[in-house]
Amino acid sequence: GGFASVRSRGSNLGLKNGDSIVIRVRGDGREYNLRLYV
């Protein structure tokens, strides 16, 4: 094993080329991944 994740349920996110995702977080010093699904 080796992964834990959370995902939003499917909807139209309206993302476009050239956009950026901005996320405000408070963590534990570890490295996470933001993942996008089609």
Full PDB file with SEQRES, HELIX, SHEET, SSBOND, CRYST1, ORIGX, SCALE, CONECT and MASTER records, all heavy atoms in Angstrom:
SEQRES   1 A   38  GLY GLY PHE ALA SER VAL ARG SER ARG GLY SER ASN LEU          
SEQRES   2 A   38  GLY LEU LYS ASN GLY ASP SER ILE VAL ILE ARG VAL ARG          
SEQRES   3 A   38  GLY ASP GLY ARG GLU TYR ASN LEU ARG LEU TYR VAL              
CRYST1    1.000    1.000    1.000  90.00  90.00  90.00 P 1           1          
ORIGX1      1.000000  0.000000  0.000000        0.00000                         
ORIGX2      0.000000  1.000000  0.000000        0.00000                         
ORIGX3      0.000000  0.000000  1.000000        0.00000                         
SCALE1      1.000000  0.000000  0.000000        0.00000                         
SCALE2      0.000000  1.000000  0.000000        0.00000                         
SCALE3      0.000000  0.000000  1.000000        0.00000                         
ATOM      1  N   GLY A   1       0.821  -1.191   0.000  1.00  0.00           N  
ATOM      2  CA  GLY A   1       0.000   0.000   0.000  1.00  0.00           C  
ATOM      3  C   GLY A   1       0.861   1.248   0.000  1.00  0.00           C  
ATOM      4  O   GLY A   1       2.012   1.231  -0.419  1.00  0.00           O  
ATOM      5  N   GLY A   2       0.258   2.346   0.473  1.00  0.00           N  
ATOM      6  CA  GLY A   2       1.069   3.546   0.566  1.00  0.00           C  
ATOM      7  C   GLY A   2       0.412   4.821   0.104  1.00  0.00           C  
ATOM      8  O   GLY A   2       1.088   5.823  -0.106  1.00  0.00           O  
ATOM      9  N   PHE A   3      -0.932   4.823  -0.034  1.00  0.00           N  
ATOM     10  CA  PHE A   3      -1.561   6.116  -0.348  1.00  0.00           C  
ATOM     11  C   PHE A   3      -2.898   6.239   0.364  1.00  0.00           C  
ATOM     12  O   PHE A   3      -3.601   5.254   0.628  1.00  0.00           O  
ATOM     13  CB  PHE A   3      -1.730   6.319  -1.859  1.00  0.00           C  
ATOM     14  CG  PHE A   3      -2.904   5.619  -2.475  1.00  0.00           C  
ATOM     15  CD1 PHE A   3      -4.174   6.212  -2.476  1.00  0.00           C  
ATOM     16  CD2 PHE A   3      -2.753   4.373  -3.072  1.00  0.00           C  
ATOM     17  CE1 PHE A   3      -5.256   5.571  -3.059  1.00  0.00           C  
ATOM     18  CE2 PHE A   3      -3.840   3.737  -3.658  1.00  0.00           C  
ATOM     19  CZ  PHE A   3      -5.089   4.324  -3.649  1.00  0.00           C  
ATOM     20  N   ALA A   4      -3.212   7.464   0.705  1.00  0.00           N  
ATOM     21  CA  ALA A   4      -4.520   7.839   1.246  1.00  0.00           C  
ATOM     22  C   ALA A   4      -4.964   9.077   0.485  1.00  0.00           C  
ATOM     23  O   ALA A   4      -4.146   9.959   0.179  1.00  0.00           O  
ATOM     24  CB  ALA A   4      -4.438   8.129   2.738  1.00  0.00           C  
ATOM     25  N   SER A   5      -6.251   9.160   0.184  1.00  0.00           N  
ATOM     26  CA  SER A   5      -6.700  10.294  -0.622  1.00  0.00           C  
ATOM     27  C   SER A   5      -8.153  10.630  -0.339  1.00  0.00           C  
ATOM     28  O   SER A   5      -8.911   9.829   0.217  1.00  0.00           O  
ATOM     29  CB  SER A   5      -6.521  10.001  -2.121  1.00  0.00           C  
ATOM     30  OG  SER A   5      -7.489   9.079  -2.592  1.00  0.00           O  
ATOM     31  N   VAL A   6      -8.520  11.840  -0.739  1.00  0.00           N  
ATOM     32  CA  VAL A   6      -9.902  12.290  -0.754  1.00  0.00           C  
ATOM     33  C   VAL A   6     -10.169  12.881  -2.128  1.00  0.00           C  
ATOM     34  O   VAL A   6      -9.273  13.441  -2.769  1.00  0.00           O  
ATOM     35  CB  VAL A   6     -10.197  13.343   0.337  1.00  0.00           C  
ATOM     36  CG1 VAL A   6     -10.244  12.695   1.709  1.00  0.00           C  
ATOM     37  CG2 VAL A   6      -9.172  14.475   0.304  1.00  0.00           C  
ATOM     38  N   ARG A   7     -11.430  12.730  -2.578  1.00  0.00           N  
ATOM     39  CA  ARG A   7     -11.799  13.234  -3.892  1.00  0.00           C  
ATOM     40  C   ARG A   7     -13.163  13.896  -3.825  1.00  0.00           C  
ATOM     41  O   ARG A   7     -14.043  13.442  -3.091  1.00  0.00           O  
ATOM     42  CB  ARG A   7     -11.864  12.097  -4.924  1.00  0.00           C  
ATOM     43  CG  ARG A   7     -10.570  11.344  -5.125  1.00  0.00           C  
ATOM     44  CD  ARG A   7     -10.746  10.219  -6.128  1.00  0.00           C  
ATOM     45  NE  ARG A   7      -9.583   9.362  -6.170  1.00  0.00           N  
ATOM     46  CZ  ARG A   7      -9.483   8.253  -6.915  1.00  0.00           C  
ATOM     47  NH1 ARG A   7     -10.512   7.903  -7.705  1.00  0.00           N  
ATOM     48  NH2 ARG A   7      -8.385   7.527  -6.886  1.00  0.00           N  
ATOM     49  N   SER A   8     -13.307  14.945  -4.618  1.00  0.00           N  
ATOM     50  CA  SER A   8     -14.637  15.538  -4.782  1.00  0.00           C  
ATOM     51  C   SER A   8     -15.475  14.628  -5.659  1.00  0.00           C  
ATOM     52  O   SER A   8     -14.951  13.835  -6.437  1.00  0.00           O  
ATOM     53  CB  SER A   8     -14.526  16.922  -5.421  1.00  0.00           C  
ATOM     54  OG  SER A   8     -14.069  16.820  -6.769  1.00  0.00           O  
ATOM     55  N   ARG A   9     -16.767  14.737  -5.521  1.00  0.00           N  
ATOM     56  CA  ARG A   9     -17.651  13.990  -6.405  1.00  0.00           C  
ATOM     57  C   ARG A   9     -17.792  14.740  -7.729  1.00  0.00           C  
ATOM     58  O   ARG A   9     -17.590  15.937  -7.797  1.00  0.00           O  
ATOM     59  CB  ARG A   9     -19.007  13.771  -5.737  1.00  0.00           C  
ATOM     60  CG  ARG A   9     -18.876  12.994  -4.427  1.00  0.00           C  
ATOM     61  CD  ARG A   9     -20.206  12.558  -3.867  1.00  0.00           C  
ATOM     62  NE  ARG A   9     -20.051  11.925  -2.564  1.00  0.00           N  
ATOM     63  CZ  ARG A   9     -19.770  10.642  -2.380  1.00  0.00           C  
ATOM     64  NH1 ARG A   9     -19.607   9.854  -3.435  1.00  0.00           N  
ATOM     65  NH2 ARG A   9     -19.644  10.144  -1.160  1.00  0.00           N  
ATOM     66  N   GLY A  10     -18.105  14.025  -8.782  1.00  0.00           N  
ATOM     67  CA  GLY A  10     -18.026  14.565 -10.130  1.00  0.00           C  
ATOM     68  C   GLY A  10     -18.918  15.763 -10.380  1.00  0.00           C  
ATOM     69  O   GLY A  10     -20.086  15.771 -10.001  1.00  0.00           O  
ATOM     70  N   SER A  11     -18.355  16.789 -10.998  1.00  0.00           N  
ATOM     71  CA  SER A  11     -19.110  17.948 -11.443  1.00  0.00           C  
ATOM     72  C   SER A  11     -18.251  18.718 -12.428  1.00  0.00           C  
ATOM     73  O   SER A  11     -17.051  18.475 -12.567  1.00  0.00           O  
ATOM     74  CB  SER A  11     -19.496  18.852 -10.263  1.00  0.00           C  
ATOM     75  OG  SER A  11     -18.345  19.429  -9.681  1.00  0.00           O  
ATOM     76  N   ASN A  12     -18.851  19.642 -13.115  1.00  0.00           N  
ATOM     77  CA  ASN A  12     -18.135  20.470 -14.079  1.00  0.00           C  
ATOM     78  C   ASN A  12     -17.336  21.524 -13.328  1.00  0.00           C  
ATOM     79  O   ASN A  12     -17.908  22.426 -12.723  1.00  0.00           O  
ATOM     80  CB  ASN A  12     -19.149  21.137 -15.027  1.00  0.00           C  
ATOM     81  CG  ASN A  12     -18.483  21.986 -16.079  1.00  0.00           C  
ATOM     82  OD1 ASN A  12     -17.273  22.154 -16.090  1.00  0.00           O  
ATOM     83  ND2 ASN A  12     -19.292  22.532 -16.971  1.00  0.00           N  
ATOM     84  N   LEU A  13     -16.009  21.423 -13.362  1.00  0.00           N  
ATOM     85  CA  LEU A  13     -15.166  22.371 -12.627  1.00  0.00           C  
ATOM     86  C   LEU A  13     -14.804  23.599 -13.447  1.00  0.00           C  
ATOM     87  O   LEU A  13     -14.280  24.570 -12.909  1.00  0.00           O  
ATOM     88  CB  LEU A  13     -13.890  21.671 -12.141  1.00  0.00           C  
ATOM     89  CG  LEU A  13     -14.103  20.519 -11.150  1.00  0.00           C  
ATOM     90  CD1 LEU A  13     -12.760  19.974 -10.680  1.00  0.00           C  
ATOM     91  CD2 LEU A  13     -14.940  20.960  -9.964  1.00  0.00           C  
ATOM     92  N   GLY A  14     -15.048  23.572 -14.750  1.00  0.00           N  
ATOM     93  CA  GLY A  14     -14.829  24.756 -15.574  1.00  0.00           C  
ATOM     94  C   GLY A  14     -13.383  25.188 -15.685  1.00  0.00           C  
ATOM     95  O   GLY A  14     -13.096  26.382 -15.795  1.00  0.00           O  
ATOM     96  N   LEU A  15     -12.435  24.240 -15.685  1.00  0.00           N  
ATOM     97  CA  LEU A  15     -11.016  24.578 -15.786  1.00  0.00           C  
ATOM     98  C   LEU A  15     -10.614  24.797 -17.246  1.00  0.00           C  
ATOM     99  O   LEU A  15     -11.171  24.172 -18.151  1.00  0.00           O  
ATOM    100  CB  LEU A  15     -10.167  23.466 -15.174  1.00  0.00           C  
ATOM    101  CG  LEU A  15     -10.462  23.117 -13.713  1.00  0.00           C  
ATOM    102  CD1 LEU A  15      -9.561  21.992 -13.236  1.00  0.00           C  
ATOM    103  CD2 LEU A  15     -10.313  24.336 -12.822  1.00  0.00           C  
ATOM    104  N   LYS A  16      -9.622  25.670 -17.450  1.00  0.00           N  
ATOM    105  CA  LYS A  16      -9.166  25.996 -18.793  1.00  0.00           C  
ATOM    106  C   LYS A  16      -7.643  26.002 -18.841  1.00  0.00           C  
ATOM    107  O   LYS A  16      -6.971  26.142 -17.812  1.00  0.00           O  
ATOM    108  CB  LYS A  16      -9.685  27.379 -19.230  1.00  0.00           C  
ATOM    109  CG  LYS A  16     -11.206  27.529 -19.229  1.00  0.00           C  
ATOM    110  CD  LYS A  16     -11.852  26.650 -20.282  1.00  0.00           C  
ATOM    111  CE  LYS A  16     -13.358  26.825 -20.295  1.00  0.00           C  
ATOM    112  NZ  LYS A  16     -14.013  25.910 -21.269  1.00  0.00           N  
ATOM    113  N   ASN A  17      -7.109  25.847 -20.052  1.00  0.00           N  
ATOM    114  CA  ASN A  17      -5.665  25.990 -20.232  1.00  0.00           C  
ATOM    115  C   ASN A  17      -5.216  27.358 -19.736  1.00  0.00           C  
ATOM    116  O   ASN A  17      -5.874  28.368 -20.002  1.00  0.00           O  
ATOM    117  CB  ASN A  17      -5.297  25.839 -21.708  1.00  0.00           C  
ATOM    118  CG  ASN A  17      -5.274  24.395 -22.154  1.00  0.00           C  
ATOM    119  OD1 ASN A  17      -4.834  23.518 -21.416  1.00  0.00           O  
ATOM    120  ND2 ASN A  17      -5.740  24.135 -23.368  1.00  0.00           N  
ATOM    121  N   GLY A  18      -4.096  27.379 -19.041  1.00  0.00           N  
ATOM    122  CA  GLY A  18      -3.570  28.632 -18.517  1.00  0.00           C  
ATOM    123  C   GLY A  18      -4.025  28.960 -17.114  1.00  0.00           C  
ATOM    124  O   GLY A  18      -3.462  29.852 -16.474  1.00  0.00           O  
ATOM    125  N   ASP A  19      -5.064  28.269 -16.613  1.00  0.00           N  
ATOM    126  CA  ASP A  19      -5.509  28.477 -15.236  1.00  0.00           C  
ATOM    127  C   ASP A  19      -4.484  27.931 -14.249  1.00  0.00           C  
ATOM    128  O   ASP A  19      -3.598  27.149 -14.597  1.00  0.00           O  
ATOM    129  CB  ASP A  19      -6.837  27.757 -14.983  1.00  0.00           C  
ATOM    130  CG  ASP A  19      -8.009  28.394 -15.703  1.00  0.00           C  
ATOM    131  OD1 ASP A  19      -7.838  29.507 -16.237  1.00  0.00           O  
ATOM    132  OD2 ASP A  19      -9.086  27.766 -15.723  1.00  0.00           O  
ATOM    133  N   SER A  20      -4.644  28.327 -12.998  1.00  0.00           N  
ATOM    134  CA  SER A  20      -3.904  27.733 -11.894  1.00  0.00           C  
ATOM    135  C   SER A  20      -4.886  27.368 -10.785  1.00  0.00           C  
ATOM    136  O   SER A  20      -5.876  28.074 -10.584  1.00  0.00           O  
ATOM    137  CB  SER A  20      -2.846  28.697 -11.323  1.00  0.00           C  
ATOM    138  OG  SER A  20      -1.841  28.993 -12.269  1.00  0.00           O  
ATOM    139  N   ILE A  21      -4.597  26.271 -10.103  1.00  0.00           N  
ATOM    140  CA  ILE A  21      -5.335  25.935  -8.894  1.00  0.00           C  
ATOM    141  C   ILE A  21      -4.626  26.579  -7.720  1.00  0.00           C  
ATOM    142  O   ILE A  21      -3.396  26.478  -7.594  1.00  0.00           O  
ATOM    143  CB  ILE A  21      -5.411  24.413  -8.675  1.00  0.00           C  
ATOM    144  CG1 ILE A  21      -6.079  23.729  -9.868  1.00  0.00           C  
ATOM    145  CG2 ILE A  21      -6.148  24.087  -7.379  1.00  0.00           C  
ATOM    146  CD1 ILE A  21      -7.536  24.044 -10.028  1.00  0.00           C  
ATOM    147  N   VAL A  22      -5.373  27.272  -6.878  1.00  0.00           N  
ATOM    148  CA  VAL A  22      -4.814  27.893  -5.680  1.00  0.00           C  
ATOM    149  C   VAL A  22      -5.510  27.263  -4.476  1.00  0.00           C  
ATOM    150  O   VAL A  22      -6.739  27.225  -4.419  1.00  0.00           O  
ATOM    151  CB  VAL A  22      -5.010  29.422  -5.668  1.00  0.00           C  
ATOM    152  CG1 VAL A  22      -4.258  30.048  -4.495  1.00  0.00           C  
ATOM    153  CG2 VAL A  22      -4.548  30.035  -6.982  1.00  0.00           C  
ATOM    154  N   ILE A  23      -4.722  26.766  -3.522  1.00  0.00           N  
ATOM    155  CA  ILE A  23      -5.281  26.071  -2.379  1.00  0.00           C  
ATOM    156  C   ILE A  23      -4.644  26.610  -1.094  1.00  0.00           C  
ATOM    157  O   ILE A  23      -3.418  26.766  -1.021  1.00  0.00           O  
ATOM    158  CB  ILE A  23      -5.078  24.543  -2.512  1.00  0.00           C  
ATOM    159  CG1 ILE A  23      -5.626  23.794  -1.303  1.00  0.00           C  
ATOM    160  CG2 ILE A  23      -3.639  24.183  -2.784  1.00  0.00           C  
ATOM    161  CD1 ILE A  23      -5.675  22.286  -1.504  1.00  0.00           C  
ATOM    162  N   ARG A  24      -5.472  26.955  -0.122  1.00  0.00           N  
ATOM    163  CA  ARG A  24      -4.976  27.452   1.164  1.00  0.00           C  
ATOM    164  C   ARG A  24      -5.018  26.306   2.160  1.00  0.00           C  
ATOM    165  O   ARG A  24      -6.094  25.759   2.444  1.00  0.00           O  
ATOM    166  CB  ARG A  24      -5.814  28.631   1.657  1.00  0.00           C  
ATOM    167  CG  ARG A  24      -5.359  29.193   3.009  1.00  0.00           C  
ATOM    168  CD  ARG A  24      -6.061  30.511   3.322  1.00  0.00           C  
ATOM    169  NE  ARG A  24      -5.859  30.948   4.685  1.00  0.00           N  
ATOM    170  CZ  ARG A  24      -4.753  31.553   5.138  1.00  0.00           C  
ATOM    171  NH1 ARG A  24      -3.757  31.796   4.303  1.00  0.00           N  
ATOM    172  NH2 ARG A  24      -4.650  31.927   6.398  1.00  0.00           N  
ATOM    173  N   VAL A  25      -3.835  25.953   2.684  1.00  0.00           N  
ATOM    174  CA  VAL A  25      -3.707  24.758   3.511  1.00  0.00           C  
ATOM    175  C   VAL A  25      -2.869  25.026   4.756  1.00  0.00           C  
ATOM    176  O   VAL A  25      -2.021  25.927   4.790  1.00  0.00           O  
ATOM    177  CB  VAL A  25      -3.066  23.595   2.720  1.00  0.00           C  
ATOM    178  CG1 VAL A  25      -3.930  23.196   1.543  1.00  0.00           C  
ATOM    179  CG2 VAL A  25      -1.662  23.956   2.241  1.00  0.00           C  
ATOM    180  N   ARG A  26      -3.120  24.219   5.770  1.00  0.00           N  
ATOM    181  CA  ARG A  26      -2.239  24.142   6.936  1.00  0.00           C  
ATOM    182  C   ARG A  26      -1.930  22.664   7.149  1.00  0.00           C  
ATOM    183  O   ARG A  26      -2.830  21.860   7.379  1.00  0.00           O  
ATOM    184  CB  ARG A  26      -2.898  24.733   8.172  1.00  0.00           C  
ATOM    185  CG  ARG A  26      -2.021  24.628   9.433  1.00  0.00           C  
ATOM    186  CD  ARG A  26      -2.532  25.494  10.561  1.00  0.00           C  
ATOM    187  NE  ARG A  26      -3.854  25.101  11.010  1.00  0.00           N  
ATOM    188  CZ  ARG A  26      -4.557  25.766  11.930  1.00  0.00           C  
ATOM    189  NH1 ARG A  26      -4.051  26.872  12.464  1.00  0.00           N  
ATOM    190  NH2 ARG A  26      -5.758  25.354  12.289  1.00  0.00           N  
ATOM    191  N   GLY A  27      -0.660  22.321   7.050  1.00  0.00           N  
ATOM    192  CA  GLY A  27      -0.305  20.912   7.055  1.00  0.00           C  
ATOM    193  C   GLY A  27       0.655  20.519   8.146  1.00  0.00           C  
ATOM    194  O   GLY A  27       0.820  21.205   9.168  1.00  0.00           O  
ATOM    195  N   ASP A  28       1.335  19.405   7.887  1.00  0.00           N  
ATOM    196  CA  ASP A  28       2.232  18.780   8.858  1.00  0.00           C  
ATOM    197  C   ASP A  28       3.664  18.698   8.362  1.00  0.00           C  
ATOM    198  O   ASP A  28       4.480  17.946   8.907  1.00  0.00           O  
ATOM    199  CB  ASP A  28       1.720  17.372   9.194  1.00  0.00           C  
ATOM    200  CG  ASP A  28       1.361  16.580   7.934  1.00  0.00           C  
ATOM    201  OD1 ASP A  28       1.797  16.990   6.828  1.00  0.00           O  
ATOM    202  OD2 ASP A  28       0.651  15.571   8.046  1.00  0.00           O  
ATOM    203  N   GLY A  29       3.983  19.440   7.321  1.00  0.00           N  
ATOM    204  CA  GLY A  29       5.325  19.421   6.755  1.00  0.00           C  
ATOM    205  C   GLY A  29       5.530  18.370   5.687  1.00  0.00           C  
ATOM    206  O   GLY A  29       6.601  18.316   5.068  1.00  0.00           O  
ATOM    207  N   ARG A  30       4.525  17.536   5.419  1.00  0.00           N  
ATOM    208  CA  ARG A  30       4.664  16.486   4.424  1.00  0.00           C  
ATOM    209  C   ARG A  30       4.279  16.994   3.031  1.00  0.00           C  
ATOM    210  O   ARG A  30       3.678  18.056   2.874  1.00  0.00           O  
ATOM    211  CB  ARG A  30       3.799  15.280   4.811  1.00  0.00           C  
ATOM    212  CG  ARG A  30       4.189  14.715   6.162  1.00  0.00           C  
ATOM    213  CD  ARG A  30       3.325  13.559   6.595  1.00  0.00           C  
ATOM    214  NE  ARG A  30       3.582  12.341   5.826  1.00  0.00           N  
ATOM    215  CZ  ARG A  30       3.244  11.123   6.232  1.00  0.00           C  
ATOM    216  NH1 ARG A  30       2.637  10.948   7.408  1.00  0.00           N  
ATOM    217  NH2 ARG A  30       3.511  10.070   5.477  1.00  0.00           N  
ATOM    218  N   GLU A  31       4.653  16.198   2.023  1.00  0.00           N  
ATOM    219  CA  GLU A  31       4.334  16.554   0.643  1.00  0.00           C  
ATOM    220  C   GLU A  31       3.091  15.799   0.190  1.00  0.00           C  
ATOM    221  O   GLU A  31       3.018  14.575   0.300  1.00  0.00           O  
ATOM    222  CB  GLU A  31       5.499  16.223  -0.283  1.00  0.00           C  
ATOM    223  CG  GLU A  31       5.254  16.655  -1.729  1.00  0.00           C  
ATOM    224  CD  GLU A  31       6.456  16.416  -2.625  1.00  0.00           C  
ATOM    225  OE1 GLU A  31       7.316  17.318  -2.720  1.00  0.00           O  
ATOM    226  OE2 GLU A  31       6.536  15.317  -3.218  1.00  0.00           O  
ATOM    227  N   TYR A  32       2.124  16.538  -0.328  1.00  0.00           N  
ATOM    228  CA  TYR A  32       0.884  15.971  -0.834  1.00  0.00           C  
ATOM    229  C   TYR A  32       0.821  16.183  -2.343  1.00  0.00           C  
ATOM    230  O   TYR A  32       1.613  16.941  -2.909  1.00  0.00           O  
ATOM    231  CB  TYR A  32      -0.320  16.630  -0.161  1.00  0.00           C  
ATOM    232  CG  TYR A  32      -0.424  16.347   1.326  1.00  0.00           C  
ATOM    233  CD1 TYR A  32       0.380  17.023   2.245  1.00  0.00           C  
ATOM    234  CD2 TYR A  32      -1.331  15.408   1.804  1.00  0.00           C  
ATOM    235  CE1 TYR A  32       0.285  16.758   3.603  1.00  0.00           C  
ATOM    236  CE2 TYR A  32      -1.443  15.137   3.164  1.00  0.00           C  
ATOM    237  CZ  TYR A  32      -0.631  15.814   4.055  1.00  0.00           C  
ATOM    238  OH  TYR A  32      -0.719  15.548   5.403  1.00  0.00           O  
ATOM    239  N   ASN A  33      -0.126  15.530  -2.982  1.00  0.00           N  
ATOM    240  CA  ASN A  33      -0.375  15.731  -4.408  1.00  0.00           C  
ATOM    241  C   ASN A  33      -1.786  16.238  -4.616  1.00  0.00           C  
ATOM    242  O   ASN A  33      -2.727  15.715  -4.002  1.00  0.00           O  
ATOM    243  CB  ASN A  33      -0.223  14.418  -5.190  1.00  0.00           C  
ATOM    244  CG  ASN A  33       1.229  14.059  -5.430  1.00  0.00           C  
ATOM    245  OD1 ASN A  33       1.973  14.853  -5.987  1.00  0.00           O  
ATOM    246  ND2 ASN A  33       1.632  12.875  -4.999  1.00  0.00           N  
ATOM    247  N   LEU A  34      -1.919  17.256  -5.468  1.00  0.00           N  
ATOM    248  CA  LEU A  34      -3.244  17.621  -5.943  1.00  0.00           C  
ATOM    249  C   LEU A  34      -3.474  16.847  -7.232  1.00  0.00           C  
ATOM    250  O   LEU A  34      -2.631  16.864  -8.134  1.00  0.00           O  
ATOM    251  CB  LEU A  34      -3.350  19.123  -6.204  1.00  0.00           C  
ATOM    252  CG  LEU A  34      -4.774  19.604  -6.471  1.00  0.00           C  
ATOM    253  CD1 LEU A  34      -5.553  19.641  -5.166  1.00  0.00           C  
ATOM    254  CD2 LEU A  34      -4.796  20.981  -7.109  1.00  0.00           C  
ATOM    255  N   ARG A  35      -4.598  16.160  -7.317  1.00  0.00           N  
ATOM    256  CA  ARG A  35      -4.871  15.302  -8.465  1.00  0.00           C  
ATOM    257  C   ARG A  35      -6.159  15.748  -9.153  1.00  0.00           C  
ATOM    258  O   ARG A  35      -7.141  16.100  -8.496  1.00  0.00           O  
ATOM    259  CB  ARG A  35      -4.975  13.840  -8.027  1.00  0.00           C  
ATOM    260  CG  ARG A  35      -3.694  13.326  -7.399  1.00  0.00           C  
ATOM    261  CD  ARG A  35      -3.862  11.910  -6.899  1.00  0.00           C  
ATOM    262  NE  ARG A  35      -3.996  10.956  -7.992  1.00  0.00           N  
ATOM    263  CZ  ARG A  35      -2.980  10.293  -8.555  1.00  0.00           C  
ATOM    264  NH1 ARG A  35      -1.749  10.495  -8.130  1.00  0.00           N  
ATOM    265  NH2 ARG A  35      -3.196   9.424  -9.526  1.00  0.00           N  
ATOM    266  N   LEU A  36      -6.138  15.723 -10.467  1.00  0.00           N  
ATOM    267  CA  LEU A  36      -7.289  16.066 -11.289  1.00  0.00           C  
ATOM    268  C   LEU A  36      -7.685  14.837 -12.101  1.00  0.00           C  
ATOM    269  O   LEU A  36      -6.824  14.154 -12.673  1.00  0.00           O  
ATOM    270  CB  LEU A  36      -6.961  17.231 -12.220  1.00  0.00           C  
ATOM    271  CG  LEU A  36      -6.465  18.509 -11.527  1.00  0.00           C  
ATOM    272  CD1 LEU A  36      -6.076  19.552 -12.571  1.00  0.00           C  
ATOM    273  CD2 LEU A  36      -7.514  19.070 -10.582  1.00  0.00           C  
ATOM    274  N   TYR A  37      -8.985  14.567 -12.138  1.00  0.00           N  
ATOM    275  CA  TYR A  37      -9.489  13.362 -12.800  1.00  0.00           C  
ATOM    276  C   TYR A  37     -10.460  13.735 -13.906  1.00  0.00           C  
ATOM    277  O   TYR A  37     -11.240  14.682 -13.772  1.00  0.00           O  
ATOM    278  CB  TYR A  37     -10.208  12.463 -11.790  1.00  0.00           C  
ATOM    279  CG  TYR A  37      -9.337  11.981 -10.645  1.00  0.00           C  
ATOM    280  CD1 TYR A  37      -9.152  12.775  -9.513  1.00  0.00           C  
ATOM    281  CD2 TYR A  37      -8.702  10.749 -10.697  1.00  0.00           C  
ATOM    282  CE1 TYR A  37      -8.361  12.348  -8.469  1.00  0.00           C  
ATOM    283  CE2 TYR A  37      -7.915  10.301  -9.640  1.00  0.00           C  
ATOM    284  CZ  TYR A  37      -7.739  11.106  -8.530  1.00  0.00           C  
ATOM    285  OH  TYR A  37      -6.955  10.684  -7.488  1.00  0.00           O  
ATOM    286  N   VAL A  38     -10.397  12.960 -14.989  1.00  0.00           N  
ATOM    287  CA  VAL A  38     -11.327  13.108 -16.103  1.00  0.00           C  
ATOM    288  C   VAL A  38     -12.138  11.823 -16.213  1.00  0.00           C  
ATOM    289  O   VAL A  38     -11.754  10.789 -15.670  1.00  0.00           O  
ATOM    290  CB  VAL A  38     -10.581  13.400 -17.427  1.00  0.00           C  
ATOM    291  CG1 VAL A  38      -9.766  14.677 -17.308  1.00  0.00           C  
ATOM    292  CG2 VAL A  38      -9.685  12.227 -17.815  1.00  0.00           C  
TER     293      VAL A  38                                                      
MASTER        0    0    0    0    0    0    0    6  292    1    0    3          
END                                                                             
